[in-house]
Protein backbone atom coordinates (compact mmCIF):
# COMPACT_ATOMS: atom_id res chain seq x y z
CA MET A 1 -0.10 0.03 -0.17
CA VAL A 2 1.37 3.47 -0.80
CA VAL A 3 0.15 5.85 2.05
CA LYS A 4 0.67 9.30 2.63
CA GLU A 5 -1.30 11.97 4.95
CA ILE A 6 -2.42 15.25 2.76
CA GLU A 7 -3.83 18.56 4.36
CA VAL A 8 -7.57 19.69 3.14
CA LYS A 9 -9.94 22.52 3.85
CA ASP A 10 -12.70 20.83 4.64
CA LEU A 11 -13.82 17.03 5.10
CA VAL A 12 -17.53 18.08 4.16
CA THR A 13 -18.65 17.92 0.76
CA LYS A 14 -21.87 18.55 -0.93
CA SER A 15 -23.72 15.63 -1.99
CA ASN A 16 -26.06 14.21 -4.91
CA LEU A 17 -26.43 11.02 -3.30
CA PRO A 18 -30.24 10.28 -3.18
CA VAL A 19 -29.78 9.47 0.43
CA SER A 20 -27.85 12.69 1.77
CA ASP A 21 -26.99 15.99 1.53
CA TYR A 22 -23.39 15.80 2.81
CA VAL A 23 -20.95 13.47 2.57
CA ILE A 24 -17.83 13.02 4.67
CA ASN A 25 -14.85 10.86 3.31
CA PRO A 26 -11.98 11.08 5.88
CA TYR A 27 -9.73 9.01 3.38
CA VAL A 28 -8.78 9.05 -0.52
CA GLY A 29 -8.77 5.44 -1.99
CA CYS A 30 -9.54 2.31 0.00
CA PRO A 31 -7.55 -0.86 0.59
CA HIS A 32 -10.71 -3.11 0.70
CA GLY A 33 -10.14 -3.05 -3.27
CA CYS A 34 -13.31 -3.81 -4.32
CA LYS A 35 -13.37 -5.43 -8.02
CA TYR A 36 -16.51 -3.45 -8.81
CA CYS A 37 -16.04 -0.19 -7.06
CA TYR A 38 -17.53 2.72 -8.78
CA ALA A 39 -15.10 4.98 -6.48
CA SER A 40 -12.18 3.88 -8.70
CA PHE A 41 -13.03 7.27 -10.71
CA MET A 42 -11.57 9.04 -8.14
CA LYS A 43 -8.19 8.32 -9.57
CA ARG A 44 -8.91 10.82 -12.50
CA PHE A 45 -9.28 13.73 -9.64
CA THR A 46 -6.21 12.73 -7.38
CA ASN A 47 -3.85 12.26 -9.98
CA HIS A 48 -2.99 8.77 -8.28
CA LYS A 49 -1.37 6.07 -11.15
CA GLU A 50 -1.24 3.38 -8.53
CA ASP A 51 -3.93 0.64 -9.28
CA TRP A 52 -7.18 1.21 -7.15
CA GLY A 53 -6.95 -0.84 -3.81
CA THR A 54 -3.22 0.14 -3.39
CA PHE A 55 -2.98 3.44 -2.44
CA ILE A 56 -4.69 5.86 0.60
CA ASP A 57 -4.34 9.24 1.37
CA ILE A 58 -4.97 10.15 5.48
CA LYS A 59 -6.67 13.29 5.39
CA ARG A 60 -5.85 16.06 7.86
CA CYS A 61 -7.82 18.91 8.47
CA SER A 62 -7.90 21.54 10.83
CA LYS A 63 -11.25 22.88 10.19
CA LYS A 64 -14.38 21.43 13.07
CA LEU A 65 -17.43 20.24 11.45
CA SER A 66 -20.10 23.12 11.02
CA LYS A 67 -22.75 22.73 13.34
CA LYS A 68 -24.64 25.56 11.28
CA LYS A 69 -24.44 23.80 8.06
CA LEU A 70 -24.96 20.18 9.28
CA GLU A 71 -27.99 20.26 11.66
CA HIS A 72 -30.95 18.83 10.76
CA LYS A 73 -29.31 17.33 7.17
CA ARG A 74 -28.60 14.30 6.22
CA VAL A 75 -24.95 13.23 6.12
CA PHE A 76 -23.67 10.23 4.88
CA LEU A 77 -20.18 8.63 5.70
CA SER A 78 -18.51 7.80 3.48
CA SER A 79 -19.21 7.66 -0.59
CA VAL A 80 -15.63 7.13 -1.98
CA THR A 81 -14.06 5.21 0.80
CA ASP A 82 -14.64 2.81 3.49
CA CYS A 83 -14.64 5.02 6.67
CA TYR A 84 -13.72 2.00 8.57
CA ASN A 85 -10.49 0.48 6.33
CA SER A 86 -7.98 -1.28 8.13
CA TYR A 87 -5.73 2.06 8.19
CA GLU A 88 -8.66 3.76 10.68
CA LYS A 89 -7.24 1.24 13.42
CA GLU A 90 -4.25 3.37 13.33
CA TYR A 91 -5.50 7.19 12.48
CA GLU A 92 -8.84 7.07 13.97
CA LEU A 93 -10.03 9.53 11.76
CA THR A 94 -13.59 8.35 11.69
CA ARG A 95 -14.17 8.21 15.26
CA GLY A 96 -12.77 12.09 15.36
CA VAL A 97 -15.61 12.88 13.21
CA LEU A 98 -17.68 10.68 15.23
CA GLU A 99 -17.01 12.62 18.49
CA GLN A 100 -17.97 15.84 16.35
CA LEU A 101 -21.13 14.47 15.37
CA VAL A 102 -22.33 13.62 18.51
CA ASP A 103 -23.41 17.38 19.45
CA ILE A 104 -24.58 17.99 15.78
CA ASP A 105 -28.14 16.82 15.60
CA CYS A 106 -28.01 15.40 12.00
CA TYR A 107 -29.64 12.44 10.25
CA LEU A 108 -26.04 10.46 9.69
CA ASN A 109 -26.15 7.13 7.48
CA ILE A 110 -22.68 5.09 7.83
CA SER A 111 -21.82 2.42 5.39
CA THR A 112 -18.99 0.25 5.67
CA LYS A 113 -18.21 -3.60 4.98
CA SER A 114 -15.82 -3.73 7.90
CA ASN A 115 -16.48 -5.11 11.57
CA LEU A 116 -14.21 -2.42 13.03
CA ILE A 117 -17.48 -0.10 13.44
CA LEU A 118 -18.07 -2.24 16.43
CA ARG A 119 -14.80 -0.41 18.26
CA ASP A 120 -17.24 2.86 18.09
CA ILE A 121 -20.26 1.67 19.44
CA ASP A 122 -20.08 3.57 22.55
CA LEU A 123 -20.54 6.77 20.28
CA LEU A 124 -22.82 5.36 18.08
CA LYS A 125 -25.03 4.62 20.87
CA LYS A 126 -25.03 8.69 21.75
CA MET A 127 -26.37 9.48 17.99
CA LYS A 128 -29.81 10.94 18.19
CA HIS A 129 -30.82 9.81 14.31
CA LEU A 130 -28.43 7.24 13.11
CA GLU A 131 -28.42 4.56 10.61
CA VAL A 132 -25.66 1.75 9.67
CA SER A 133 -25.64 0.21 6.38
CA ILE A 134 -23.48 -2.99 6.16
CA SER A 135 -23.06 -4.24 2.17
CA ILE A 136 -23.48 -7.96 1.78
CA ASN A 137 -24.37 -9.12 -1.84
CA THR A 138 -23.48 -13.16 -1.06
CA LEU A 139 -23.12 -15.73 1.33
CA ASP A 140 -20.33 -17.17 -0.61
CA GLU A 141 -17.18 -16.41 1.14
CA LYS A 142 -14.86 -17.43 -1.48
CA PHE A 143 -16.77 -15.06 -4.35
CA ARG A 144 -16.65 -12.53 -1.40
CA CYS A 145 -12.61 -13.07 -1.13
CA ASP A 146 -12.40 -12.79 -5.05
CA MET A 147 -14.15 -9.59 -4.76
CA ASP A 148 -12.73 -7.70 -1.82
CA ASN A 149 -10.23 -7.53 1.12
CA ALA A 150 -13.03 -6.33 3.61
CA SER A 151 -14.64 -8.20 6.47
CA SER A 152 -15.97 -11.94 5.97
CA ILE A 153 -19.46 -12.39 5.13
CA GLN A 154 -20.13 -13.81 8.63
CA GLU A 155 -18.63 -10.87 10.34
CA ARG A 156 -20.72 -8.82 8.49
CA LEU A 157 -23.68 -10.56 9.72
CA GLU A 158 -22.70 -10.65 13.26
CA THR A 159 -21.59 -6.79 13.15
CA LEU A 160 -25.23 -6.34 11.78
CA ARG A 161 -26.75 -8.31 15.02
CA ILE A 162 -24.49 -6.69 17.65
CA LEU A 163 -25.64 -3.35 16.11
CA HIS A 164 -29.07 -4.33 16.32
CA GLU A 165 -29.04 -5.65 19.84
CA ASN A 166 -27.60 -2.31 20.90
CA GLY A 167 -30.65 -0.10 19.88
CA ILE A 168 -28.98 0.82 16.43
CA TYR A 169 -31.11 1.22 13.31
CA THR A 170 -29.53 -1.42 11.09
CA VAL A 171 -29.43 -1.40 6.79
CA LEU A 172 -28.14 -4.56 4.97
CA PHE A 173 -27.37 -2.95 1.60
CA MET A 174 -27.47 -5.85 -0.86
CA SER A 175 -25.05 -3.92 -3.66
CA PRO A 176 -23.93 -4.30 -6.18
CA ILE A 177 -26.34 -7.46 -7.05
CA PHE A 178 -24.80 -9.87 -9.58
CA PRO A 179 -27.01 -11.33 -11.96
CA TYR A 180 -27.52 -14.63 -11.69
CA ILE A 181 -25.17 -14.74 -8.52
CA THR A 182 -26.56 -12.92 -5.67
CA ASP A 183 -29.41 -14.58 -3.84
CA PHE A 184 -31.26 -12.19 -2.54
CA LYS A 185 -33.57 -14.30 -0.83
CA LYS A 186 -31.12 -16.06 1.02
CA ILE A 187 -29.66 -13.50 2.28
CA ILE A 188 -32.61 -11.75 3.63
CA GLU A 189 -33.57 -15.37 5.44
CA VAL A 190 -30.37 -15.29 7.19
CA SER A 191 -30.55 -11.78 8.04
CA LYS A 192 -34.04 -10.76 8.61
CA ASN A 193 -34.17 -11.01 12.74
CA TYR A 194 -31.51 -8.51 12.86
CA VAL A 195 -31.83 -6.27 10.14
CA ASP A 196 -34.47 -3.40 10.04
CA ARG A 197 -34.34 -2.49 6.33
CA TYR A 198 -32.69 -3.47 3.10
CA TRP A 199 -31.42 -1.74 0.07
CA PHE A 200 -31.05 -3.16 -3.20
CA GLU A 201 -28.58 -1.43 -6.05
CA ASN A 202 -28.05 -3.98 -8.93
CA LEU A 203 -24.44 -4.27 -10.91
CA ASN A 204 -23.53 -1.50 -13.24
CA LEU A 205 -20.47 -2.03 -15.04
CA ARG A 206 -18.07 1.08 -16.64
CA GLY A 207 -14.88 2.10 -16.83
CA SER A 208 -11.91 0.03 -16.47
CA TYR A 209 -13.49 -2.12 -14.23
CA LYS A 210 -16.08 -3.60 -17.17
CA SER A 211 -13.67 -5.78 -19.09
CA ASP A 212 -12.26 -6.84 -15.64
CA ILE A 213 -15.72 -8.16 -14.29
CA LEU A 214 -16.38 -9.66 -17.55
CA ASN A 215 -13.32 -11.83 -17.38
CA TYR A 216 -13.86 -12.97 -13.76
CA ILE A 217 -17.42 -14.09 -15.00
CA LYS A 218 -15.46 -15.72 -18.35
CA ASN A 219 -12.92 -17.66 -16.05
CA ASN A 220 -15.69 -18.31 -12.94
CA TYR A 221 -18.93 -18.47 -14.16
CA PRO A 222 -18.81 -19.62 -17.74
CA GLU A 223 -22.38 -20.38 -17.80
CA TYR A 224 -23.47 -17.02 -17.18
CA LEU A 225 -21.40 -15.34 -19.76
CA ASN A 226 -23.76 -15.19 -22.58
CA ASP A 227 -26.06 -13.26 -20.05
CA TYR A 228 -23.63 -10.76 -18.85
CA GLU A 229 -22.58 -9.79 -22.25
CA GLU A 230 -26.14 -9.39 -23.15
CA ILE A 231 -27.09 -6.99 -20.13
CA TYR A 232 -23.32 -4.98 -20.14
CA LYS A 233 -22.56 -5.42 -23.89
CA LYS A 234 -26.05 -5.11 -25.76
CA GLY A 235 -27.65 -2.87 -22.88
CA ASN A 236 -30.27 -5.49 -22.19
CA LYS A 237 -32.63 -4.02 -19.33
CA LYS A 238 -34.87 -7.30 -18.91
CA TYR A 239 -33.09 -9.06 -16.33
CA PHE A 240 -32.88 -6.25 -14.19
CA GLU A 241 -36.43 -4.78 -14.65
CA GLY A 242 -37.91 -8.19 -13.89
CA LEU A 243 -35.42 -8.68 -10.71
CA SER A 244 -36.89 -5.35 -9.26
CA LEU A 245 -39.91 -6.70 -9.77
CA GLU A 246 -39.67 -9.96 -8.29
CA ILE A 247 -37.63 -8.08 -5.47
CA GLU A 248 -40.44 -5.91 -4.71
CA GLU A 249 -43.16 -8.69 -4.62
CA TYR A 250 -41.30 -10.60 -2.26
CA CYS A 251 -40.23 -7.62 0.29
CA LYS A 252 -44.13 -6.68 0.27
CA LYS A 253 -45.47 -10.23 0.75
CA ASN A 254 -43.13 -10.81 3.46
CA LYS A 255 -43.39 -7.46 4.90
CA VAL A 256 -39.73 -6.79 4.44
CA CYS A 257 -39.05 -2.83 4.67
CA TYR A 258 -36.83 -2.32 1.80
CA ASN A 259 -35.44 0.56 -0.57
CA ASN A 260 -34.68 0.17 -4.13
CA TYR A 261 -32.21 1.83 -5.95
CA PHE A 262 -32.05 0.09 -8.88
CA TYR A 263 -32.46 3.16 -10.91
CA HIS A 264 -29.55 5.20 -9.24
CA GLU A 265 -28.38 7.39 -11.97
CA LYS A 266 -31.97 8.38 -12.53
CA LEU A 267 -32.19 8.98 -8.84
CA VAL A 268 -29.26 11.11 -8.62
CA ALA A 269 -30.69 12.99 -12.06
CA GLU A 270 -33.72 13.82 -10.23
CA LYS A 271 -32.24 15.21 -7.43
CA VAL A 272 -29.94 17.43 -9.55
CA GLY A 273 -33.16 18.66 -11.48
CA LYS A 274 -34.70 19.83 -8.60
CA LYS A 275 -31.94 22.21 -7.24
């Protein structure tokens, strides 16, 4: 890993994400190195030449979070890094952010793939409006290992359980859903006793990682290659349109609380249009 410390003027940036008004990213880059990570596009703006997942910048910021700016706003932690990546153990930037947010009455959502978040459960329990979303898109540990360097599936499920038992609102973020590989029903069945809400997002392939994922499917799931090419080379939307309806019908029938973010780009465009 290439690690360096950088000075920034502000940790808070305005957000176009459907679920937030502001985002806080304590780090640049992420050692989880998810093969499908959309955040790899950040290299265009940060001038990093290293492969995604092999660098991290530690943000140093003397400016305190603005209570006036964030009060009663929706804050997302984080959008282009995992705020609980392994370097958080040493640098504790996320913990420092939480120590400030405790006194700010905002609506905070923390998204992570790491059980390191349990270290800060003392602060999390003090938050007035908090959701914690843990990303899980498979129960197959081999597939998970092929895709990221974050906590194991069992560790993530256990994290959701512990958070839930401590009165924290839990979200299982089923993202990205891989066609024919992600079994959304099985994931719900094993986690429904300690998950308050499910978010669903389909796999989008763009940029340099599109060919990487398609090559992975070719080598590991050749039986699905034609289907993936139909979706990601020919632009056929039928699979995800059908899956979207199936998810919504299942959740309504089984009284599962959920949000469907399959049309993420459309939601972002609608949000921008309202400004």
